[in-house]
Amino acid sequence: MPPFGPVKRRDLIAAFRRLGFEGPLPGGRHQFMVRGETVVTIPNPHRGDIGVGLLRVILREAGVTKQEWAKA
């Protein structure tokens, strides 16, 4: 169960896999993950964690609630 806060890219990908997403798949400038018709862009690897603001945007794009995120 990842916290709703700064999260490592690796933990983000693992949580999305537990939520039924496939990938990460190669894209143009960023990788992405897919679940049905939903496509979510995954941030490129960089120093530090993915911040709360970006995590909120990614979850909104994926259609994942904070409750679903807490259970992943």
PDB file of N, CA and C in Angstrom:
ATOM      1  N   MET A   1       0.850  -1.173   0.000  1.00  0.00           N
ATOM      2  CA  MET A   1       0.000   0.000   0.000  1.00  0.00           C
ATOM      3  C   MET A   1       0.897   1.237   0.000  1.00  0.00           C
ATOM      4  N   PRO A   2       1.009   1.905  -1.142  1.00  0.00           N
ATOM      5  CA  PRO A   2       1.830   3.116  -1.182  1.00  0.00           C
ATOM      6  C   PRO A   2       1.134   4.282  -0.491  1.00  0.00           C
ATOM      7  N   PRO A   3       1.889   5.122   0.170  1.00  0.00           N
ATOM      8  CA  PRO A   3       1.270   6.279   0.817  1.00  0.00           C
ATOM      9  C   PRO A   3       0.862   7.317  -0.217  1.00  0.00           C
ATOM     10  N   PHE A   4      -0.116   8.159   0.145  1.00  0.00           N
ATOM     11  CA  PHE A   4      -0.447   9.266  -0.738  1.00  0.00           C
ATOM     12  C   PHE A   4       0.487  10.400  -0.380  1.00  0.00           C
ATOM     13  N   GLY A   5       1.599  10.393  -1.011  1.00  0.00           N
ATOM     14  CA  GLY A   5       2.631  11.390  -0.766  1.00  0.00           C
ATOM     15  C   GLY A   5       3.755  11.114  -1.726  1.00  0.00           C
ATOM     16  N   PRO A   6       4.904  11.675  -1.487  1.00  0.00           N
ATOM     17  CA  PRO A   6       6.019  11.399  -2.384  1.00  0.00           C
ATOM     18  C   PRO A   6       6.231   9.895  -2.526  1.00  0.00           C
ATOM     19  N   VAL A   7       6.355   9.435  -3.760  1.00  0.00           N
ATOM     20  CA  VAL A   7       6.481   8.003  -4.030  1.00  0.00           C
ATOM     21  C   VAL A   7       7.558   7.792  -5.090  1.00  0.00           C
ATOM     22  N   LYS A   8       8.272   6.702  -4.968  1.00  0.00           N
ATOM     23  CA  LYS A   8       9.297   6.361  -5.952  1.00  0.00           C
ATOM     24  C   LYS A   8       8.628   5.885  -7.234  1.00  0.00           C
ATOM     25  N   ARG A   9       9.274   6.132  -8.363  1.00  0.00           N
ATOM     26  CA  ARG A   9       8.731   5.718  -9.666  1.00  0.00           C
ATOM     27  C   ARG A   9       8.461   4.210  -9.685  1.00  0.00           C
ATOM     28  N   ARG A  10       9.382   3.443  -9.128  1.00  0.00           N
ATOM     29  CA  ARG A  10       9.245   1.989  -9.084  1.00  0.00           C
ATOM     30  C   ARG A  10       7.987   1.578  -8.313  1.00  0.00           C
ATOM     31  N   ASP A  11       7.714   2.244  -7.191  1.00  0.00           N
ATOM     32  CA  ASP A  11       6.526   1.938  -6.394  1.00  0.00           C
ATOM     33  C   ASP A  11       5.251   2.359  -7.116  1.00  0.00           C
ATOM     34  N   LEU A  12       5.306   3.463  -7.862  1.00  0.00           N
ATOM     35  CA  LEU A  12       4.162   3.909  -8.648  1.00  0.00           C
ATOM     36  C   LEU A  12       3.796   2.855  -9.687  1.00  0.00           C
ATOM     37  N   ILE A  13       4.792   2.348 -10.406  1.00  0.00           N
ATOM     38  CA  ILE A  13       4.556   1.341 -11.431  1.00  0.00           C
ATOM     39  C   ILE A  13       4.010   0.060 -10.815  1.00  0.00           C
ATOM     40  N   ALA A  14       4.578  -0.366  -9.689  1.00  0.00           N
ATOM     41  CA  ALA A  14       4.108  -1.586  -9.021  1.00  0.00           C
ATOM     42  C   ALA A  14       2.654  -1.442  -8.572  1.00  0.00           C
ATOM     43  N   ALA A  15       2.296  -0.280  -8.037  1.00  0.00           N
ATOM     44  CA  ALA A  15       0.923  -0.057  -7.586  1.00  0.00           C
ATOM     45  C   ALA A  15      -0.047  -0.063  -8.768  1.00  0.00           C
ATOM     46  N   PHE A  16       0.338   0.556  -9.880  1.00  0.00           N
ATOM     47  CA  PHE A  16      -0.529   0.550 -11.055  1.00  0.00           C
ATOM     48  C   PHE A  16      -0.697  -0.860 -11.607  1.00  0.00           C
ATOM     49  N   ARG A  17       0.324  -1.681 -11.534  1.00  0.00           N
ATOM     50  CA  ARG A  17       0.188  -3.083 -11.969  1.00  0.00           C
ATOM     51  C   ARG A  17      -0.810  -3.813 -11.076  1.00  0.00           C
ATOM     52  N   ARG A  18      -0.746  -3.569  -9.773  1.00  0.00           N
ATOM     53  CA  ARG A  18      -1.709  -4.198  -8.858  1.00  0.00           C
ATOM     54  C   ARG A  18      -3.129  -3.715  -9.127  1.00  0.00           C
ATOM     55  N   LEU A  19      -3.261  -2.502  -9.667  1.00  0.00           N
ATOM     56  CA  LEU A  19      -4.576  -1.949 -10.010  1.00  0.00           C
ATOM     57  C   LEU A  19      -5.053  -2.411 -11.386  1.00  0.00           C
ATOM     58  N   GLY A  20      -4.286  -3.264 -12.062  1.00  0.00           N
ATOM     59  CA  GLY A  20      -4.717  -3.833 -13.330  1.00  0.00           C
ATOM     60  C   GLY A  20      -4.163  -3.172 -14.575  1.00  0.00           C
ATOM     61  N   PHE A  21      -3.205  -2.270 -14.426  1.00  0.00           N
ATOM     62  CA  PHE A  21      -2.597  -1.622 -15.580  1.00  0.00           C
ATOM     63  C   PHE A  21      -1.485  -2.499 -16.138  1.00  0.00           C
ATOM     64  N   GLU A  22      -1.275  -2.414 -17.446  1.00  0.00           N
ATOM     65  CA  GLU A  22      -0.192  -3.133 -18.116  1.00  0.00           C
ATOM     66  C   GLU A  22       0.895  -2.136 -18.500  1.00  0.00           C
ATOM     67  N   GLY A  23       2.125  -2.587 -18.474  1.00  0.00           N
ATOM     68  CA  GLY A  23       3.226  -1.713 -18.884  1.00  0.00           C
ATOM     69  C   GLY A  23       4.263  -1.620 -17.792  1.00  0.00           C
ATOM     70  N   PRO A  24       5.105  -0.659 -17.884  1.00  0.00           N
ATOM     71  CA  PRO A  24       5.115   0.505 -18.766  1.00  0.00           C
ATOM     72  C   PRO A  24       5.536   0.148 -20.188  1.00  0.00           C
ATOM     73  N   LEU A  25       4.886   0.777 -21.133  1.00  0.00           N
ATOM     74  CA  LEU A  25       5.142   0.584 -22.548  1.00  0.00           C
ATOM     75  C   LEU A  25       5.887   1.804 -23.082  1.00  0.00           C
ATOM     76  N   PRO A  26       6.717   1.592 -24.105  1.00  0.00           N
ATOM     77  CA  PRO A  26       7.456   2.736 -24.651  1.00  0.00           C
ATOM     78  C   PRO A  26       6.529   3.688 -25.394  1.00  0.00           C
ATOM     79  N   GLY A  27       6.794   4.972 -25.240  1.00  0.00           N
ATOM     80  CA  GLY A  27       6.016   5.989 -25.932  1.00  0.00           C
ATOM     81  C   GLY A  27       6.969   6.940 -26.632  1.00  0.00           C
ATOM     82  N   GLY A  28       6.497   8.110 -26.957  1.00  0.00           N
ATOM     83  CA  GLY A  28       7.341   9.112 -27.603  1.00  0.00           C
ATOM     84  C   GLY A  28       8.417   9.599 -26.657  1.00  0.00           C
ATOM     85  N   ARG A  29       8.047  10.474 -25.730  1.00  0.00           N
ATOM     86  CA  ARG A  29       9.004  11.010 -24.764  1.00  0.00           C
ATOM     87  C   ARG A  29       8.867  10.369 -23.383  1.00  0.00           C
ATOM     88  N   HIS A  30       7.712   9.760 -23.115  1.00  0.00           N
ATOM     89  CA  HIS A  30       7.464   9.128 -21.823  1.00  0.00           C
ATOM     90  C   HIS A  30       6.901   7.737 -22.028  1.00  0.00           C
ATOM     91  N   GLN A  31       7.104   6.879 -21.048  1.00  0.00           N
ATOM     92  CA  GLN A  31       6.462   5.577 -21.052  1.00  0.00           C
ATOM     93  C   GLN A  31       5.025   5.773 -20.590  1.00  0.00           C
ATOM     94  N   PHE A  32       4.190   4.762 -20.838  1.00  0.00           N
ATOM     95  CA  PHE A  32       2.808   4.844 -20.406  1.00  0.00           C
ATOM     96  C   PHE A  32       2.324   3.471 -19.980  1.00  0.00           C
ATOM     97  N   MET A  33       1.212   3.458 -19.247  1.00  0.00           N
ATOM     98  CA  MET A  33       0.580   2.221 -18.811  1.00  0.00           C
ATOM     99  C   MET A  33      -0.875   2.255 -19.266  1.00  0.00           C
ATOM    100  N   VAL A  34      -1.442   1.062 -19.511  1.00  0.00           N
ATOM    101  CA  VAL A  34      -2.772   0.958 -20.095  1.00  0.00           C
ATOM    102  C   VAL A  34      -3.641   0.010 -19.271  1.00  0.00           C
ATOM    103  N   ARG A  35      -4.910   0.404 -19.089  1.00  0.00           N
ATOM    104  CA  ARG A  35      -5.934  -0.476 -18.504  1.00  0.00           C
ATOM    105  C   ARG A  35      -7.202  -0.212 -19.294  1.00  0.00           C
ATOM    106  N   GLY A  36      -7.560  -1.138 -20.169  1.00  0.00           N
ATOM    107  CA  GLY A  36      -8.728  -0.940 -21.026  1.00  0.00           C
ATOM    108  C   GLY A  36      -8.488   0.234 -21.957  1.00  0.00           C
ATOM    109  N   GLU A  37      -9.368   1.218 -21.895  1.00  0.00           N
ATOM    110  CA  GLU A  37      -9.244   2.423 -22.725  1.00  0.00           C
ATOM    111  C   GLU A  37      -8.431   3.529 -22.041  1.00  0.00           C
ATOM    112  N   THR A  38      -8.064   3.314 -20.784  1.00  0.00           N
ATOM    113  CA  THR A  38      -7.352   4.331 -20.009  1.00  0.00           C
ATOM    114  C   THR A  38      -5.854   4.232 -20.245  1.00  0.00           C
ATOM    115  N   VAL A  39      -5.252   5.349 -20.612  1.00  0.00           N
ATOM    116  CA  VAL A  39      -3.806   5.427 -20.834  1.00  0.00           C
ATOM    117  C   VAL A  39      -3.242   6.462 -19.868  1.00  0.00           C
ATOM    118  N   VAL A  40      -2.209   6.053 -19.122  1.00  0.00           N
ATOM    119  CA  VAL A  40      -1.600   6.928 -18.122  1.00  0.00           C
ATOM    120  C   VAL A  40      -0.129   7.122 -18.449  1.00  0.00           C
ATOM    121  N   THR A  41       0.296   8.368 -18.528  1.00  0.00           N
ATOM    122  CA  THR A  41       1.694   8.699 -18.778  1.00  0.00           C
ATOM    123  C   THR A  41       2.481   8.536 -17.485  1.00  0.00           C
ATOM    124  N   ILE A  42       3.624   7.874 -17.582  1.00  0.00           N
ATOM    125  CA  ILE A  42       4.490   7.641 -16.429  1.00  0.00           C
ATOM    126  C   ILE A  42       5.676   8.597 -16.522  1.00  0.00           C
ATOM    127  N   PRO A  43       5.993   9.310 -15.439  1.00  0.00           N
ATOM    128  CA  PRO A  43       7.140  10.230 -15.471  1.00  0.00           C
ATOM    129  C   PRO A  43       8.448   9.485 -15.745  1.00  0.00           C
ATOM    130  N   ASN A  44       9.346  10.151 -16.424  1.00  0.00           N
ATOM    131  CA  ASN A  44      10.664   9.579 -16.688  1.00  0.00           C
ATOM    132  C   ASN A  44      11.438   9.455 -15.382  1.00  0.00           C
ATOM    133  N   PRO A  45      12.391   8.509 -15.329  1.00  0.00           N
ATOM    134  CA  PRO A  45      13.220   8.388 -14.124  1.00  0.00           C
ATOM    135  C   PRO A  45      14.028   9.672 -13.898  1.00  0.00           C
ATOM    136  N   HIS A  46      14.089  10.087 -12.654  1.00  0.00           N
ATOM    137  CA  HIS A  46      14.872  11.254 -12.285  1.00  0.00           C
ATOM    138  C   HIS A  46      15.240  11.133 -10.815  1.00  0.00           C
ATOM    139  N   ARG A  47      16.072  12.013 -10.351  1.00  0.00           N
ATOM    140  CA  ARG A  47      16.432  11.994  -8.926  1.00  0.00           C
ATOM    141  C   ARG A  47      15.218  12.343  -8.096  1.00  0.00           C
ATOM    142  N   GLY A  48      15.119  11.745  -6.949  1.00  0.00           N
ATOM    143  CA  GLY A  48      14.045  12.074  -6.023  1.00  0.00           C
ATOM    144  C   GLY A  48      12.747  11.348  -6.343  1.00  0.00           C
ATOM    145  N   ASP A  49      11.775  11.602  -5.506  1.00  0.00           N
ATOM    146  CA  ASP A  49      10.474  10.954  -5.618  1.00  0.00           C
ATOM    147  C   ASP A  49       9.507  11.792  -6.447  1.00  0.00           C
ATOM    148  N   ILE A  50       8.406  11.153  -6.822  1.00  0.00           N
ATOM    149  CA  ILE A  50       7.312  11.849  -7.496  1.00  0.00           C
ATOM    150  C   ILE A  50       6.530  12.558  -6.402  1.00  0.00           C
ATOM    151  N   GLY A  51       6.380  13.860  -6.522  1.00  0.00           N
ATOM    152  CA  GLY A  51       5.733  14.667  -5.491  1.00  0.00           C
ATOM    153  C   GLY A  51       4.224  14.484  -5.439  1.00  0.00           C
ATOM    154  N   VAL A  52       3.622  15.033  -4.399  1.00  0.00           N
ATOM    155  CA  VAL A  52       2.185  14.909  -4.161  1.00  0.00           C
ATOM    156  C   VAL A  52       1.374  15.518  -5.304  1.00  0.00           C
ATOM    157  N   GLY A  53       1.774  16.674  -5.796  1.00  0.00           N
ATOM    158  CA  GLY A  53       1.028  17.334  -6.866  1.00  0.00           C
ATOM    159  C   GLY A  53       1.002  16.513  -8.135  1.00  0.00           C
ATOM    160  N   LEU A  54       2.152  16.001  -8.557  1.00  0.00           N
ATOM    161  CA  LEU A  54       2.219  15.183  -9.758  1.00  0.00           C
ATOM    162  C   LEU A  54       1.486  13.859  -9.547  1.00  0.00           C
ATOM    163  N   LEU A  55       1.607  13.277  -8.362  1.00  0.00           N
ATOM    164  CA  LEU A  55       0.893  12.040  -8.067  1.00  0.00           C
ATOM    165  C   LEU A  55      -0.617  12.253  -8.188  1.00  0.00           C
ATOM    166  N   ARG A  56      -1.103  13.376  -7.685  1.00  0.00           N
ATOM    167  CA  ARG A  56      -2.534  13.695  -7.774  1.00  0.00           C
ATOM    168  C   ARG A  56      -2.980  13.782  -9.241  1.00  0.00           C
ATOM    169  N   VAL A  57      -2.167  14.416 -10.086  1.00  0.00           N
ATOM    170  CA  VAL A  57      -2.481  14.546 -11.512  1.00  0.00           C
ATOM    171  C   VAL A  57      -2.490  13.168 -12.181  1.00  0.00           C
ATOM    172  N   ILE A  58      -1.515  12.331 -11.876  1.00  0.00           N
ATOM    173  CA  ILE A  58      -1.424  10.994 -12.464  1.00  0.00           C
ATOM    174  C   ILE A  58      -2.636  10.153 -12.061  1.00  0.00           C
ATOM    175  N   LEU A  59      -3.010  10.197 -10.779  1.00  0.00           N
ATOM    176  CA  LEU A  59      -4.163   9.416 -10.318  1.00  0.00           C
ATOM    177  C   LEU A  59      -5.458   9.901 -10.963  1.00  0.00           C
ATOM    178  N   ARG A  60      -5.595  11.210 -11.128  1.00  0.00           N
ATOM    179  CA  ARG A  60      -6.784  11.761 -11.782  1.00  0.00           C
ATOM    180  C   ARG A  60      -6.842  11.286 -13.232  1.00  0.00           C
ATOM    181  N   GLU A  61      -5.705  11.316 -13.921  1.00  0.00           N
ATOM    182  CA  GLU A  61      -5.626  10.859 -15.304  1.00  0.00           C
ATOM    183  C   GLU A  61      -5.997   9.379 -15.414  1.00  0.00           C
ATOM    184  N   ALA A  62      -5.616   8.594 -14.399  1.00  0.00           N
ATOM    185  CA  ALA A  62      -5.878   7.162 -14.399  1.00  0.00           C
ATOM    186  C   ALA A  62      -7.284   6.818 -13.920  1.00  0.00           C
ATOM    187  N   GLY A  63      -7.976   7.783 -13.325  1.00  0.00           N
ATOM    188  CA  GLY A  63      -9.296   7.493 -12.776  1.00  0.00           C
ATOM    189  C   GLY A  63      -9.226   6.672 -11.495  1.00  0.00           C
ATOM    190  N   VAL A  64      -8.152   6.830 -10.744  1.00  0.00           N
ATOM    191  CA  VAL A  64      -7.938   6.086  -9.501  1.00  0.00           C
ATOM    192  C   VAL A  64      -8.197   7.021  -8.324  1.00  0.00           C
ATOM    193  N   THR A  65      -9.041   6.587  -7.390  1.00  0.00           N
ATOM    194  CA  THR A  65      -9.333   7.389  -6.207  1.00  0.00           C
ATOM    195  C   THR A  65      -8.251   7.185  -5.149  1.00  0.00           C
ATOM    196  N   LYS A  66      -8.244   8.065  -4.156  1.00  0.00           N
ATOM    197  CA  LYS A  66      -7.285   7.909  -3.052  1.00  0.00           C
ATOM    198  C   LYS A  66      -7.532   6.603  -2.305  1.00  0.00           C
ATOM    199  N   GLN A  67      -8.807   6.187  -2.197  1.00  0.00           N
ATOM    200  CA  GLN A  67      -9.133   4.933  -1.521  1.00  0.00           C
ATOM    201  C   GLN A  67      -8.576   3.735  -2.295  1.00  0.00           C
ATOM    202  N   GLU A  68      -8.730   3.745  -3.622  1.00  0.00           N
ATOM    203  CA  GLU A  68      -8.166   2.668  -4.444  1.00  0.00           C
ATOM    204  C   GLU A  68      -6.648   2.657  -4.343  1.00  0.00           C
ATOM    205  N   TRP A  69      -6.050   3.856  -4.333  1.00  0.00           N
ATOM    206  CA  TRP A  69      -4.599   3.963  -4.221  1.00  0.00           C
ATOM    207  C   TRP A  69      -4.115   3.378  -2.893  1.00  0.00           C
ATOM    208  N   ALA A  70      -4.850   3.646  -1.823  1.00  0.00           N
ATOM    209  CA  ALA A  70      -4.461   3.152  -0.501  1.00  0.00           C
ATOM    210  C   ALA A  70      -4.532   1.626  -0.433  1.00  0.00           C
ATOM    211  N   LYS A  71      -5.436   1.018  -1.208  1.00  0.00           N
ATOM    212  CA  LYS A  71      -5.585  -0.440  -1.205  1.00  0.00           C
ATOM    213  C   LYS A  71      -4.617  -1.144  -2.152  1.00  0.00           C
ATOM    214  N   ALA A  72      -4.000  -0.391  -3.060  1.00  0.00           N
ATOM    215  CA  ALA A  72      -3.115  -1.004  -4.077  1.00  0.00           C
ATOM    216  C   ALA A  72      -1.828  -1.516  -3.471  1.00  0.00           C
TER     217      ALA A  72
END
